[in-house]
């Protein structure tokens, strides 16, 4: 997650001057969220 945050900050800093700076950065571990959802679906199928 630290590497992902650094990558997002780098993208934000690299925006052209004419572009507005983002008001916030959102960093998420999507692979983890998908894994958790998949585990629930398999458990529910029984």
PDB file of N, CA and C in Angstrom:
ATOM      1  N   UNK A   1       0.816  -1.182   0.000  1.00  0.00           N
ATOM      2  CA  UNK A   1       0.000   0.000   0.000  1.00  0.00           C
ATOM      3  C   UNK A   1       0.873   1.264   0.000  1.00  0.00           C
ATOM      4  N   UNK A   2       2.014   1.194   0.638  1.00  0.00           N
ATOM      5  CA  UNK A   2       2.904   2.356   0.639  1.00  0.00           C
ATOM      6  C   UNK A   2       3.400   2.623  -0.776  1.00  0.00           C
ATOM      7  N   UNK A   3       3.755   1.567  -1.497  1.00  0.00           N
ATOM      8  CA  UNK A   3       4.212   1.737  -2.875  1.00  0.00           C
ATOM      9  C   UNK A   3       3.091   2.282  -3.760  1.00  0.00           C
ATOM     10  N   UNK A   4       1.869   1.820  -3.523  1.00  0.00           N
ATOM     11  CA  UNK A   4       0.734   2.316  -4.300  1.00  0.00           C
ATOM     12  C   UNK A   4       0.493   3.796  -4.013  1.00  0.00           C
ATOM     13  N   UNK A   5       0.610   4.183  -2.759  1.00  0.00           N
ATOM     14  CA  UNK A   5       0.440   5.606  -2.417  1.00  0.00           C
ATOM     15  C   UNK A   5       1.516   6.454  -3.082  1.00  0.00           C
ATOM     16  N   UNK A   6       2.754   5.979  -3.041  1.00  0.00           N
ATOM     17  CA  UNK A   6       3.846   6.710  -3.689  1.00  0.00           C
ATOM     18  C   UNK A   6       3.610   6.841  -5.188  1.00  0.00           C
ATOM     19  N   UNK A   7       3.104   5.784  -5.806  1.00  0.00           N
ATOM     20  CA  UNK A   7       2.821   5.820  -7.240  1.00  0.00           C
ATOM     21  C   UNK A   7       1.717   6.847  -7.530  1.00  0.00           C
ATOM     22  N   UNK A   8       0.660   6.858  -6.738  1.00  0.00           N
ATOM     23  CA  UNK A   8      -0.440   7.811  -6.933  1.00  0.00           C
ATOM     24  C   UNK A   8       0.049   9.245  -6.745  1.00  0.00           C
ATOM     25  N   UNK A   9       0.870   9.477  -5.731  1.00  0.00           N
ATOM     26  CA  UNK A   9       1.417  10.816  -5.512  1.00  0.00           C
ATOM     27  C   UNK A   9       2.292  11.245  -6.684  1.00  0.00           C
ATOM     28  N   UNK A  10       3.048  10.313  -7.232  1.00  0.00           N
ATOM     29  CA  UNK A  10       3.887  10.614  -8.402  1.00  0.00           C
ATOM     30  C   UNK A  10       3.044  11.013  -9.601  1.00  0.00           C
ATOM     31  N   UNK A  11       1.950  10.291  -9.830  1.00  0.00           N
ATOM     32  CA  UNK A  11       1.052  10.644 -10.933  1.00  0.00           C
ATOM     33  C   UNK A  11       0.464  12.035 -10.723  1.00  0.00           C
ATOM     34  N   UNK A  12       0.049  12.331  -9.499  1.00  0.00           N
ATOM     35  CA  UNK A  12      -0.545  13.639  -9.208  1.00  0.00           C
ATOM     36  C   UNK A  12       0.473  14.759  -9.413  1.00  0.00           C
ATOM     37  N   UNK A  13       1.699  14.529  -8.983  1.00  0.00           N
ATOM     38  CA  UNK A  13       2.747  15.553  -9.147  1.00  0.00           C
ATOM     39  C   UNK A  13       3.138  15.738 -10.603  1.00  0.00           C
ATOM     40  N   UNK A  14       2.970  14.714 -11.429  1.00  0.00           N
ATOM     41  CA  UNK A  14       3.371  14.773 -12.833  1.00  0.00           C
ATOM     42  C   UNK A  14       2.311  15.403 -13.734  1.00  0.00           C
ATOM     43  N   UNK A  15       1.159  15.775 -13.177  1.00  0.00           N
ATOM     44  CA  UNK A  15       0.125  16.411 -13.994  1.00  0.00           C
ATOM     45  C   UNK A  15       0.648  17.723 -14.567  1.00  0.00           C
ATOM     46  N   UNK A  16       0.215  18.063 -15.790  1.00  0.00           N
ATOM     47  CA  UNK A  16       0.620  19.355 -16.352  1.00  0.00           C
ATOM     48  C   UNK A  16       0.114  20.510 -15.480  1.00  0.00           C
ATOM     49  N   UNK A  17       0.803  21.621 -15.534  1.00  0.00           N
ATOM     50  CA  UNK A  17       0.455  22.786 -14.718  1.00  0.00           C
ATOM     51  C   UNK A  17      -0.974  23.242 -15.008  1.00  0.00           C
ATOM     52  N   UNK A  18      -1.444  23.092 -16.255  1.00  0.00           N
ATOM     53  CA  UNK A  18      -2.792  23.526 -16.633  1.00  0.00           C
ATOM     54  C   UNK A  18      -3.885  22.671 -15.984  1.00  0.00           C
ATOM     55  N   UNK A  19      -3.542  21.473 -15.562  1.00  0.00           N
ATOM     56  CA  UNK A  19      -4.524  20.581 -14.922  1.00  0.00           C
ATOM     57  C   UNK A  19      -4.652  20.919 -13.441  1.00  0.00           C
ATOM     58  N   UNK A  20      -5.864  20.911 -12.912  1.00  0.00           N
ATOM     59  CA  UNK A  20      -6.012  21.156 -11.467  1.00  0.00           C
ATOM     60  C   UNK A  20      -5.475  19.968 -10.672  1.00  0.00           C
ATOM     61  N   UNK A  21      -4.937  20.260  -9.506  1.00  0.00           N
ATOM     62  CA  UNK A  21      -4.455  19.189  -8.634  1.00  0.00           C
ATOM     63  C   UNK A  21      -5.654  18.465  -8.030  1.00  0.00           C
ATOM     64  N   UNK A  22      -5.585  17.139  -7.903  1.00  0.00           N
ATOM     65  CA  UNK A  22      -6.703  16.407  -7.294  1.00  0.00           C
ATOM     66  C   UNK A  22      -6.871  16.814  -5.831  1.00  0.00           C
ATOM     67  N   UNK A  23      -8.126  16.888  -5.358  1.00  0.00           N
ATOM     68  CA  UNK A  23      -8.343  17.282  -3.965  1.00  0.00           C
ATOM     69  C   UNK A  23      -7.910  16.212  -2.961  1.00  0.00           C
ATOM     70  N   UNK A  24      -7.859  14.945  -3.413  1.00  0.00           N
ATOM     71  CA  UNK A  24      -7.412  13.861  -2.548  1.00  0.00           C
ATOM     72  C   UNK A  24      -6.961  12.698  -3.412  1.00  0.00           C
ATOM     73  N   UNK A  25      -6.242  11.754  -2.822  1.00  0.00           N
ATOM     74  CA  UNK A  25      -5.827  10.529  -3.498  1.00  0.00           C
ATOM     75  C   UNK A  25      -6.524   9.359  -2.823  1.00  0.00           C
ATOM     76  N   UNK A  26      -6.988   8.436  -3.624  1.00  0.00           N
ATOM     77  CA  UNK A  26      -7.630   7.238  -3.093  1.00  0.00           C
ATOM     78  C   UNK A  26      -6.786   6.043  -3.500  1.00  0.00           C
ATOM     79  N   UNK A  27      -6.319   5.291  -2.516  1.00  0.00           N
ATOM     80  CA  UNK A  27      -5.495   4.109  -2.761  1.00  0.00           C
ATOM     81  C   UNK A  27      -6.222   2.923  -2.150  1.00  0.00           C
ATOM     82  N   UNK A  28      -6.432   1.880  -2.950  1.00  0.00           N
ATOM     83  CA  UNK A  28      -7.157   0.703  -2.467  1.00  0.00           C
ATOM     84  C   UNK A  28      -6.446  -0.571  -2.902  1.00  0.00           C
ATOM     85  N   UNK A  29      -6.530  -1.573  -2.082  1.00  0.00           N
ATOM     86  CA  UNK A  29      -5.992  -2.894  -2.397  1.00  0.00           C
ATOM     87  C   UNK A  29      -7.129  -3.705  -3.008  1.00  0.00           C
ATOM     88  N   UNK A  30      -7.342  -3.541  -4.304  1.00  0.00           N
ATOM     89  CA  UNK A  30      -8.474  -4.157  -4.989  1.00  0.00           C
ATOM     90  C   UNK A  30      -8.359  -5.681  -5.002  1.00  0.00           C
ATOM     91  N   UNK A  31      -7.185  -6.207  -5.155  1.00  0.00           N
ATOM     92  CA  UNK A  31      -7.000  -7.656  -5.159  1.00  0.00           C
ATOM     93  C   UNK A  31      -7.451  -8.281  -3.856  1.00  0.00           C
ATOM     94  N   UNK A  32      -7.188  -7.622  -2.756  1.00  0.00           N
ATOM     95  CA  UNK A  32      -7.606  -8.119  -1.438  1.00  0.00           C
ATOM     96  C   UNK A  32      -9.133  -8.096  -1.340  1.00  0.00           C
ATOM     97  N   UNK A  33      -9.750  -7.028  -1.805  1.00  0.00           N
ATOM     98  CA  UNK A  33     -11.207  -6.920  -1.741  1.00  0.00           C
ATOM     99  C   UNK A  33     -11.859  -8.006  -2.599  1.00  0.00           C
ATOM    100  N   UNK A  34     -11.338  -8.254  -3.777  1.00  0.00           N
ATOM    101  CA  UNK A  34     -11.882  -9.299  -4.631  1.00  0.00           C
ATOM    102  C   UNK A  34     -11.714 -10.668  -3.983  1.00  0.00           C
ATOM    103  N   UNK A  35     -10.590 -10.893  -3.334  1.00  0.00           N
ATOM    104  CA  UNK A  35     -10.340 -12.157  -2.659  1.00  0.00           C
ATOM    105  C   UNK A  35     -11.370 -12.376  -1.551  1.00  0.00           C
ATOM    106  N   UNK A  36     -11.645 -11.344  -0.775  1.00  0.00           N
ATOM    107  CA  UNK A  36     -12.610 -11.471   0.320  1.00  0.00           C
ATOM    108  C   UNK A  36     -14.005 -11.757  -0.212  1.00  0.00           C
ATOM    109  N   UNK A  37     -14.407 -11.099  -1.276  1.00  0.00           N
ATOM    110  CA  UNK A  37     -15.729 -11.312  -1.860  1.00  0.00           C
ATOM    111  C   UNK A  37     -15.820 -12.742  -2.398  1.00  0.00           C
ATOM    112  N   UNK A  38     -14.754 -13.211  -3.050  1.00  0.00           N
ATOM    113  CA  UNK A  38     -14.758 -14.555  -3.612  1.00  0.00           C
ATOM    114  C   UNK A  38     -14.902 -15.597  -2.501  1.00  0.00           C
ATOM    115  N   UNK A  39     -14.254 -15.389  -1.377  1.00  0.00           N
ATOM    116  CA  UNK A  39     -14.345 -16.332  -0.273  1.00  0.00           C
ATOM    117  C   UNK A  39     -15.763 -16.398   0.273  1.00  0.00           C
ATOM    118  N   UNK A  40     -16.446 -15.274   0.358  1.00  0.00           N
ATOM    119  CA  UNK A  40     -17.831 -15.262   0.855  1.00  0.00           C
ATOM    120  C   UNK A  40     -18.753 -15.968  -0.112  1.00  0.00           C
ATOM    121  N   UNK A  41     -18.579 -15.756  -1.415  1.00  0.00           N
ATOM    122  CA  UNK A  41     -19.444 -16.389  -2.408  1.00  0.00           C
ATOM    123  C   UNK A  41     -19.305 -17.903  -2.366  1.00  0.00           C
ATOM    124  N   UNK A  42     -18.088 -18.388  -2.227  1.00  0.00           N
ATOM    125  CA  UNK A  42     -17.856 -19.830  -2.180  1.00  0.00           C
ATOM    126  C   UNK A  42     -18.473 -20.397  -0.911  1.00  0.00           C
ATOM    127  N   UNK A  43     -18.324 -19.703   0.218  1.00  0.00           N
ATOM    128  CA  UNK A  43     -18.883 -20.173   1.479  1.00  0.00           C
ATOM    129  C   UNK A  43     -20.413 -20.197   1.437  1.00  0.00           C
ATOM    130  N   UNK A  44     -21.003 -19.210   0.802  1.00  0.00           N
ATOM    131  CA  UNK A  44     -22.466 -19.122   0.724  1.00  0.00           C
ATOM    132  C   UNK A  44     -23.057 -20.221  -0.158  1.00  0.00           C
ATOM    133  N   UNK A  45     -22.274 -20.673  -1.150  1.00  0.00           N
ATOM    134  CA  UNK A  45     -22.773 -21.701  -2.068  1.00  0.00           C
ATOM    135  C   UNK A  45     -22.905 -23.049  -1.356  1.00  0.00           C
ATOM    136  N   UNK A  46     -22.164 -23.193  -0.272  1.00  0.00           N
ATOM    137  CA  UNK A  46     -22.291 -24.291   0.588  1.00  0.00           C
ATOM    138  C   UNK A  46     -21.890 -25.610   0.323  1.00  0.00           C
TER     139      UNK A  46
END
